[in-house]
Amino acid sequence: MAAAGEERLSVRRVAGVIAGLIGVMILHGEGLGLASGEGLGILLCLAGASSYGVSALIARRHLIDTPPLATATFQMLASVLMMTVVAAVVERPWQLPMPGSATWLAVLGLAALSTAFAYIVFFQILRRSGATNVMLVTLLIPVTAILLGYFVLGESISLREIAGALVIGSALLLIDGRVPKLTRRGVTPERTSTPKASP
């Protein structure tokens, strides 16, 4: 966003982004998966993250005056058209067995809550807080995955994962900047007016 001239780059934001990346690395574990043949997957994830940033920049420039509901609706309709063509060519769904009710409920949940409603919130935050703040959600994705694994799948949470989540949370507060401002306000001494001498 700073390279495109949309928002001003500051030392605080750079430090927050670096801290967030360190937190994600702590969550991931000791190795980055390069030795086990996951290098291509990591590169694709980085490309996806970059596309998120570019999309937020384009939306901030060209869709700032468009209602979030209209933007999200058009995006979903365009995605349906494109993915229908891709699914027809690659998956050929007419040759697959009919999914059960649990699968249909999962698809509806993903479509309604995790996609449609999420994008309405996304574009609303984009209008109010800017592209940088709305993209901070990407740092929360690994934390959310770990919490869902714990509460839904019964997976265990290690101290390393807790430490990584705390580092990410601190990075988000640092990038946001409101907590440092409140801290400075709290320690700023009050100005006392000196009484004027009476003539």
Protein backbone atom coordinates (compact mmCIF):
# COMPACT_ATOMS: atom_id res chain seq x y z
CA MET A 1 0.00 0.00 0.00
CA ALA A 2 2.89 2.34 0.74
CA ALA A 3 4.54 1.60 -2.64
CA ALA A 4 1.27 2.48 -4.39
CA GLY A 5 1.04 5.75 -2.48
CA GLU A 6 -2.21 4.81 -0.73
CA GLU A 7 -0.99 4.92 2.87
CA ARG A 8 2.05 6.29 4.63
CA LEU A 9 4.80 3.87 5.64
CA SER A 10 6.01 4.16 9.22
CA VAL A 11 8.55 2.39 11.39
CA ARG A 12 5.75 1.18 13.66
CA ARG A 13 3.89 -0.52 10.82
CA VAL A 14 7.04 -2.14 9.42
CA ALA A 15 7.91 -3.45 12.87
CA GLY A 16 4.37 -4.77 13.28
CA VAL A 17 4.44 -6.61 9.95
CA ILE A 18 7.81 -8.19 10.79
CA ALA A 19 6.51 -9.23 14.22
CA GLY A 20 3.42 -10.75 12.62
CA LEU A 21 5.54 -12.81 10.21
CA ILE A 22 7.67 -14.00 13.12
CA GLY A 23 4.50 -15.02 14.95
CA VAL A 24 3.30 -17.04 11.95
CA MET A 25 6.71 -18.74 11.76
CA ILE A 26 6.47 -19.62 15.45
CA LEU A 27 3.01 -21.10 14.86
CA HIS A 28 4.27 -23.14 11.90
CA GLY A 29 6.99 -24.83 13.91
CA GLU A 30 10.70 -25.39 13.63
CA GLY A 31 10.89 -26.23 9.91
CA LEU A 32 9.35 -24.36 7.02
CA GLY A 33 8.61 -27.52 5.04
CA LEU A 34 11.15 -26.92 2.27
CA ALA A 35 12.93 -30.21 2.88
CA SER A 36 9.72 -32.22 2.52
CA GLY A 37 8.80 -30.83 -0.88
CA GLU A 38 6.42 -28.11 0.31
CA GLY A 39 8.33 -25.26 -1.33
CA LEU A 40 5.87 -24.92 -4.22
CA GLY A 41 2.94 -24.84 -1.80
CA ILE A 42 4.59 -22.10 0.24
CA LEU A 43 5.23 -20.06 -2.90
CA LEU A 44 1.59 -20.46 -3.95
CA CYS A 45 0.45 -19.30 -0.50
CA LEU A 46 2.69 -16.24 -0.80
CA ALA A 47 1.23 -15.54 -4.23
CA GLY A 48 -2.27 -15.81 -2.77
CA ALA A 49 -1.37 -13.39 0.03
CA SER A 50 0.04 -10.96 -2.53
CA SER A 51 -3.17 -11.17 -4.56
CA TYR A 52 -5.13 -10.29 -1.42
CA GLY A 53 -3.08 -7.11 -1.07
CA VAL A 54 -3.51 -6.16 -4.73
CA SER A 55 -7.27 -6.79 -4.58
CA ALA A 56 -7.62 -4.60 -1.48
CA LEU A 57 -5.65 -1.83 -3.21
CA ILE A 58 -7.81 -1.98 -6.34
CA ALA A 59 -11.01 -2.05 -4.29
CA ARG A 60 -9.83 0.90 -2.20
CA ARG A 61 -9.14 2.96 -5.33
CA HIS A 62 -12.13 2.09 -7.51
CA LEU A 63 -14.90 0.80 -5.22
CA ILE A 64 -14.68 3.15 -2.26
CA ASP A 65 -18.05 4.77 -3.08
CA THR A 66 -19.83 1.50 -3.86
CA PRO A 67 -22.01 -0.03 -1.11
CA PRO A 68 -20.34 -3.14 0.42
CA LEU A 69 -23.42 -5.28 -0.27
CA ALA A 70 -23.35 -4.42 -3.97
CA THR A 71 -19.61 -5.05 -4.26
CA ALA A 72 -19.81 -8.39 -2.48
CA THR A 73 -22.83 -9.47 -4.55
CA PHE A 74 -21.15 -8.68 -7.87
CA GLN A 75 -17.96 -10.43 -6.77
CA MET A 76 -19.84 -13.56 -5.79
CA LEU A 77 -21.81 -13.64 -9.06
CA ALA A 78 -18.62 -13.22 -11.09
CA SER A 79 -16.95 -15.99 -9.07
CA VAL A 80 -19.89 -18.33 -9.66
CA LEU A 81 -19.67 -17.81 -13.43
CA MET A 82 -15.92 -18.40 -13.55
CA MET A 83 -15.88 -21.40 -11.19
CA THR A 84 -18.80 -23.02 -13.01
CA VAL A 85 -16.73 -23.10 -16.18
CA VAL A 86 -13.64 -24.39 -14.35
CA ALA A 87 -15.63 -27.06 -12.48
CA ALA A 88 -17.34 -28.21 -15.66
CA VAL A 89 -14.02 -28.63 -17.47
CA VAL A 90 -11.91 -30.07 -14.65
CA GLU A 91 -14.24 -31.84 -12.21
CA ARG A 92 -17.14 -32.83 -14.48
CA PRO A 93 -19.62 -32.89 -11.58
CA TRP A 94 -22.31 -34.73 -13.55
CA GLN A 95 -20.10 -37.83 -13.37
CA LEU A 96 -19.75 -37.67 -9.57
CA PRO A 97 -22.19 -39.20 -7.07
CA MET A 98 -24.79 -36.90 -5.52
CA PRO A 99 -23.48 -35.49 -2.19
CA GLY A 100 -25.36 -36.07 1.04
CA SER A 101 -27.18 -33.59 3.26
CA ALA A 102 -24.11 -32.97 5.45
CA THR A 103 -22.11 -31.93 2.41
CA TRP A 104 -24.85 -29.58 1.21
CA LEU A 105 -25.09 -27.98 4.67
CA ALA A 106 -21.31 -27.51 4.74
CA VAL A 107 -21.37 -25.88 1.31
CA LEU A 108 -24.21 -23.56 2.31
CA GLY A 109 -22.39 -22.61 5.50
CA LEU A 110 -19.21 -21.82 3.62
CA ALA A 111 -21.11 -19.86 0.97
CA ALA A 112 -23.34 -17.84 3.30
CA LEU A 113 -21.16 -17.18 6.36
CA SER A 114 -17.54 -17.73 5.40
CA THR A 115 -17.80 -16.11 1.97
CA ALA A 116 -20.82 -13.86 1.33
CA PHE A 117 -21.16 -12.35 4.81
CA ALA A 118 -17.39 -12.23 5.25
CA TYR A 119 -16.95 -10.19 2.07
CA ILE A 120 -19.65 -7.73 3.11
CA VAL A 121 -17.72 -7.14 6.33
CA PHE A 122 -14.46 -7.02 4.34
CA PHE A 123 -15.61 -4.21 2.05
CA GLN A 124 -17.18 -2.33 4.95
CA ILE A 125 -13.90 -2.35 6.88
CA LEU A 126 -12.07 -1.40 3.68
CA ARG A 127 -14.21 1.74 3.35
CA ARG A 128 -13.81 2.76 6.98
CA SER A 129 -10.26 1.75 7.94
CA GLY A 130 -8.27 1.40 4.73
CA ALA A 131 -6.56 -1.39 2.84
CA THR A 132 -3.76 -2.01 5.33
CA ASN A 133 -6.06 -2.60 8.30
CA VAL A 134 -8.43 -4.86 6.40
CA MET A 135 -5.55 -7.08 5.27
CA LEU A 136 -4.47 -7.70 8.87
CA VAL A 137 -7.01 -10.53 8.86
CA THR A 138 -4.48 -12.67 6.98
CA LEU A 139 -2.35 -12.79 10.13
CA LEU A 140 -5.32 -14.16 12.08
CA ILE A 141 -5.97 -17.09 9.72
CA PRO A 142 -3.43 -19.48 11.35
CA VAL A 143 -4.64 -18.51 14.83
CA THR A 144 -8.24 -19.19 13.81
CA ALA A 145 -7.26 -22.55 12.33
CA ILE A 146 -5.58 -23.60 15.56
CA LEU A 147 -8.55 -22.52 17.68
CA LEU A 148 -11.01 -24.36 15.42
CA GLY A 149 -8.83 -27.45 15.59
CA TYR A 150 -8.90 -27.27 19.39
CA PHE A 151 -12.61 -26.58 19.91
CA VAL A 152 -14.06 -28.54 16.97
CA LEU A 153 -11.62 -31.37 16.31
CA GLY A 154 -10.28 -31.82 19.83
CA GLU A 155 -6.66 -31.13 18.87
CA SER A 156 -4.15 -30.04 21.50
CA ILE A 157 -2.55 -26.59 21.65
CA SER A 158 1.15 -26.41 22.48
CA LEU A 159 3.02 -23.63 24.27
CA ARG A 160 4.71 -22.80 20.96
CA GLU A 161 1.34 -22.14 19.33
CA ILE A 162 0.21 -19.99 22.25
CA ALA A 163 3.43 -17.98 22.02
CA GLY A 164 2.95 -17.52 18.27
CA ALA A 165 -0.63 -16.33 18.76
CA LEU A 166 0.49 -13.81 21.39
CA VAL A 167 3.20 -12.49 19.07
CA ILE A 168 0.65 -12.09 16.26
CA GLY A 169 -1.77 -10.31 18.59
CA SER A 170 0.98 -7.92 19.69
CA ALA A 171 1.87 -7.29 16.04
CA LEU A 172 -1.73 -6.39 15.20
CA LEU A 173 -1.89 -3.93 18.09
CA LEU A 174 1.40 -2.41 16.97
CA ILE A 175 0.25 -1.97 13.38
CA ASP A 176 -3.10 -0.55 14.45
CA GLY A 177 -1.38 2.13 16.52
CA ARG A 178 -4.21 3.02 18.88
CA VAL A 179 -2.72 1.30 21.93
CA PRO A 180 0.62 3.19 21.69
CA LYS A 181 -1.34 6.44 21.31
CA LEU A 182 -3.42 5.68 24.40
CA THR A 183 -0.25 4.79 26.31
CA ARG A 184 1.38 8.08 25.37
CA ARG A 185 -1.74 9.98 26.43
CA GLY A 186 -1.70 8.22 29.77
CA VAL A 187 1.88 9.18 30.58
CA THR A 188 1.75 12.73 29.22
CA PRO A 189 1.85 15.11 32.18
CA GLU A 190 -0.97 17.59 32.45
CA ARG A 191 -0.17 21.21 31.85
CA THR A 192 -0.61 23.34 34.90
CA SER A 193 -1.29 27.01 34.47
CA THR A 194 0.71 29.33 36.68
CA PRO A 195 -1.42 31.89 38.47
CA LYS A 196 -0.87 35.43 37.33
CA ALA A 197 0.34 37.87 39.90
CA SER A 198 -2.26 40.44 40.84
CA PRO A 199 -1.23 44.03 40.25
